[in-house]
């Protein structure tokens, strides 16, 4: 009795696997056998264009710092969120639309006035042209300004400016 059950199970599996192979074989198009080679994959990847960027310049006295923001983003002022203690300021590229619904407009003046937790003297940057691409900055506390190239979650680009 048990032998019949085992034989029936094996026969059923063979039948299913045979019909499955037939179905898979008949539904695949002829071009499925022609898989792309590595060379065409590399050509496709290299032909991908980089996003358009806009350059913003921040002049701190004699020093000048450039920020490359991708299309759809602009510079904004905030705390430096790349470190846990959040004791430094930053100028970074912020997306105009975050989470698909919130719109952020580019400011003419960056003064970090809304940061009540930061009690040190804050610099002030003001746009000098109508396109708001050039900013003249005053740094009364003589804070150290450093260009950073590090990916931070939430920032639109890898390059940003740290003021410590």
Protein backbone atom coordinates (compact mmCIF):
# COMPACT_ATOMS: atom_id res chain seq x y z
CA UNK A 1 0.00 0.00 0.00
CA UNK A 2 2.76 2.41 0.96
CA UNK A 3 4.69 1.52 -2.18
CA UNK A 4 1.71 2.58 -4.30
CA UNK A 5 1.56 5.96 -2.51
CA UNK A 6 5.27 6.57 -3.03
CA UNK A 7 5.09 5.52 -6.68
CA UNK A 8 2.03 7.72 -7.22
CA UNK A 9 3.78 10.71 -5.63
CA UNK A 10 6.91 10.25 -7.74
CA UNK A 11 4.84 9.83 -10.90
CA UNK A 12 2.87 12.98 -10.06
CA UNK A 13 6.06 15.00 -9.53
CA UNK A 14 7.50 13.78 -12.82
CA UNK A 15 4.30 14.73 -14.62
CA UNK A 16 4.23 18.22 -13.08
CA UNK A 17 7.89 18.94 -13.73
CA UNK A 18 7.59 17.79 -17.32
CA UNK A 19 4.55 19.95 -18.03
CA UNK A 20 6.14 22.91 -16.22
CA UNK A 21 9.17 22.72 -18.46
CA UNK A 22 6.97 22.59 -21.53
CA UNK A 23 4.99 25.64 -20.42
CA UNK A 24 8.14 27.61 -19.62
CA UNK A 25 9.71 26.65 -22.94
CA UNK A 26 6.69 27.65 -25.02
CA UNK A 27 6.11 31.01 -23.28
CA UNK A 28 9.68 32.34 -23.58
CA UNK A 29 10.25 34.55 -26.63
CA UNK A 30 13.02 33.75 -29.08
CA UNK A 31 15.01 36.81 -28.01
CA UNK A 32 15.28 35.50 -24.45
CA UNK A 33 18.16 33.28 -25.46
CA UNK A 34 20.16 36.28 -26.68
CA UNK A 35 21.33 37.71 -23.37
CA UNK A 36 23.21 41.06 -23.41
CA UNK A 37 26.93 40.79 -22.90
CA UNK A 38 29.00 42.75 -20.39
CA UNK A 39 30.25 45.27 -22.98
CA UNK A 40 26.75 46.51 -23.90
CA UNK A 41 25.84 46.81 -20.20
CA UNK A 42 28.89 49.01 -19.57
CA UNK A 43 28.04 51.19 -22.58
CA UNK A 44 24.51 51.74 -21.27
CA UNK A 45 25.78 52.67 -17.82
CA UNK A 46 28.35 55.14 -19.17
CA UNK A 47 25.78 56.83 -21.42
CA UNK A 48 23.64 57.83 -18.42
CA UNK A 49 23.80 61.61 -18.13
CA UNK A 50 24.58 63.31 -14.86
CA UNK A 51 21.90 65.63 -13.48
CA UNK A 52 22.19 69.32 -14.26
CA UNK A 53 23.59 71.39 -11.43
CA UNK A 54 23.63 75.05 -10.50
CA UNK A 55 26.66 76.63 -8.82
CA UNK A 56 26.26 78.85 -5.76
CA UNK A 57 29.19 80.86 -4.40
CA UNK A 58 29.63 81.89 -0.76
CA UNK A 59 32.28 84.55 -0.12
CA UNK A 60 33.62 84.68 3.45
CA UNK A 61 35.99 87.66 3.17
CA UNK A 62 38.93 86.47 1.07
CA UNK A 63 37.80 82.83 0.98
CA UNK A 64 35.24 81.59 -1.52
CA UNK A 65 33.29 78.32 -1.39
CA UNK A 66 31.24 76.79 -4.20
CA UNK A 67 28.20 74.62 -3.74
CA UNK A 68 26.92 72.48 -6.65
CA UNK A 69 23.19 71.88 -6.21
CA UNK A 70 21.27 69.53 -8.53
CA UNK A 71 18.27 70.81 -10.44
CA UNK A 72 15.25 71.06 -8.12
CA UNK A 73 17.31 72.03 -5.07
CA UNK A 74 18.85 75.17 -3.61
CA UNK A 75 21.15 76.15 -0.72
CA UNK A 76 19.75 76.34 2.80
CA UNK A 77 21.09 76.98 6.30
CA UNK A 78 20.86 74.47 9.13
CA UNK A 79 22.75 72.66 11.84
CA UNK A 80 25.37 70.16 10.72
CA UNK A 81 23.45 66.89 11.05
CA UNK A 82 26.36 64.70 9.97
CA UNK A 83 27.57 64.51 13.57
CA UNK A 84 25.60 63.50 16.66
CA UNK A 85 26.22 66.58 18.80
CA UNK A 86 24.88 69.08 16.22
CA UNK A 87 27.17 71.88 17.43
CA UNK A 88 28.15 73.16 14.00
CA UNK A 89 26.30 75.06 11.29
CA UNK A 90 26.02 74.10 7.64
CA UNK A 91 25.01 75.38 4.24
CA UNK A 92 23.73 72.50 2.15
CA UNK A 93 21.56 71.76 -0.89
CA UNK A 94 17.95 71.18 0.07
CA UNK A 95 15.31 69.72 -2.22
CA UNK A 96 12.53 72.16 -3.08
CA UNK A 97 10.00 69.37 -2.58
CA UNK A 98 10.56 66.99 0.30
CA UNK A 99 8.33 63.97 0.77
CA UNK A 100 6.35 65.01 -2.31
CA UNK A 101 4.36 67.80 -0.74
CA UNK A 102 6.35 70.36 1.25
CA UNK A 103 7.76 73.27 -0.77
CA UNK A 104 10.89 75.07 0.41
CA UNK A 105 11.81 78.41 -1.14
CA UNK A 106 15.32 79.72 -1.44
CA UNK A 107 16.14 82.43 1.08
CA UNK A 108 17.92 85.67 0.23
CA UNK A 109 19.53 85.81 3.70
CA UNK A 110 21.06 82.97 5.73
CA UNK A 111 21.48 83.97 9.38
CA UNK A 112 20.50 80.85 11.33
CA UNK A 113 18.24 83.03 13.52
CA UNK A 114 15.71 80.24 14.10
CA UNK A 115 18.35 78.01 15.75
CA UNK A 116 17.83 78.82 19.41
CA UNK A 117 19.93 75.85 20.52
CA UNK A 118 23.03 77.34 18.86
CA UNK A 119 24.14 80.11 21.21
CA UNK A 120 27.50 81.11 19.65
CA UNK A 121 27.85 84.07 17.30
CA UNK A 122 26.24 83.19 13.99
CA UNK A 123 27.52 84.25 10.57
CA UNK A 124 25.25 86.01 8.09
CA UNK A 125 25.15 85.41 4.33
CA UNK A 126 23.18 87.62 1.96
CA UNK A 127 22.56 87.22 -1.78
CA UNK A 128 24.30 89.85 -3.89
CA UNK A 129 22.53 89.15 -7.19
CA UNK A 130 18.93 88.71 -8.34
CA UNK A 131 19.41 85.01 -9.22
CA UNK A 132 20.61 84.35 -5.65
CA UNK A 133 23.70 82.44 -6.83
CA UNK A 134 26.32 84.65 -5.15
CA UNK A 135 26.30 85.27 -1.41
CA UNK A 136 28.45 87.64 0.61
CA UNK A 137 29.00 86.35 4.14
CA UNK A 138 30.03 88.09 7.35
CA UNK A 139 31.66 85.91 9.99
CA UNK A 140 31.89 87.98 13.22
CA UNK A 141 32.78 84.99 15.43
CA UNK A 142 35.63 84.01 13.07
CA UNK A 143 34.19 80.50 12.78
CA UNK A 144 36.12 77.96 10.72
CA UNK A 145 34.52 77.40 7.31
CA UNK A 146 35.25 74.05 5.64
CA UNK A 147 33.99 72.54 2.37
CA UNK A 148 32.80 68.97 2.97
CA UNK A 149 32.28 66.19 0.44
CA UNK A 150 30.29 63.59 2.34
CA UNK A 151 26.90 62.02 1.69
CA UNK A 152 24.37 62.93 4.36
CA UNK A 153 20.84 61.55 4.37
CA UNK A 154 18.36 64.25 3.40
CA UNK A 155 20.88 66.47 1.60
CA UNK A 156 20.43 66.87 -2.16
CA UNK A 157 24.16 66.67 -2.92
CA UNK A 158 27.39 65.31 -1.48
CA UNK A 159 29.12 68.68 -1.24
CA UNK A 160 28.22 71.22 1.44
CA UNK A 161 29.83 73.79 3.73
CA UNK A 162 30.47 73.31 7.47
CA UNK A 163 30.83 76.29 9.79
CA UNK A 164 32.33 75.30 13.15
